[in-house]
Amino acid sequence: MSPKSTHASEINENKVLSPSVISRSIIDFQDVEHFGTLVSDETWSSSDNVHIVACDVIVPTGITLNISAGAIVKFHNDRAIIIEGTLRIIGSSIDPVRLTSFKDDMIGGDTNGDGGNSTPARGDWTRIEFRDNSDDANSLIEYVELSYGGSDFGCCPSYRYGSISLYEASPTIRNTTITESQNYAIRTRNSSPALTCVDMTASNWGIYNETPATVVNGINLYWGSGSGPYHPTTNPSGGGVEVSDGVNYRPWLSRSCNAPTSTGYQLFLPITRR
């Protein structure tokens, strides 16, 4: 990619790239590439066409990454956003944030410029990962559509990521859809996330809890089927994504929590007094 310009935070007064910069954003025809460790708070907004995670982005302790309503974020293969500080992805019901594969032409256009010769697939990218030093109290994922994540660990196929992976971290996730994950929609370890109105569909697993003694509260979520998630012993007739031990999934929602329930129009009839 030939950069059109470089993010202002990288340039000193002499218009020379600072050698001390460890995270960069490159702007190319209104698409913005991100990689490395953030050195200050950042906001990724919808005013740029597409935000591209070209290599892993790390949000360190004391730093906040904000991704605002309407933003589109696409990930190169096997890439991730890793949170040790604060992540706030806040869309809206009419303008969600979309996190997807670099190959996904249906959202944000043909970003990889191959004329439609590639198609997205489960596991194209890895995860949003919250680590044990992340800021639970202020981290929020709300009104987000997340697709094609949850790949295997590159060197060790036996280790499988969740599209959202929580390691002794308990952020708030609500009004969010996670779909087309290669492995898990959400993977947890010693975590108690606050989950409200989360849909998990078209994936092998919904929630996989590595540490069942730390129970994840997953009530009133949608698992891709009106019969609930599949569990080999506690819900063998469930037609939805699979759920592990250590997840409280009853009661579940029988339909999507985030699908529109109307056309968006309201009909007002006059009241006639007699």
Foldseek 3Di string as FASTA:
>chain_A
DDAPDWDPVQADPVRDGDPPDFWTWTADPLEIETEGEDPAEEEAEVSGLAYEDAAEYEDAAPYEYEYEFQYEYAYAAAYEYEALEAYEYDYDLVTAYEYYHQLDCVGSHNNVPPVNPDHAAAARYEAYEYELNYDQVHHEAARYEYERYWAADPVDNVRIGANYEYENHAHEYELYEYERHAAEPYEYEVYAYHYYQYEYAHYQAYYEYPDLVQAYEAEAYHFHALQFADDVPPRPPDPGHHYDHRYHYPPYHHDHSSDDPDPPDDDDDDDDDD
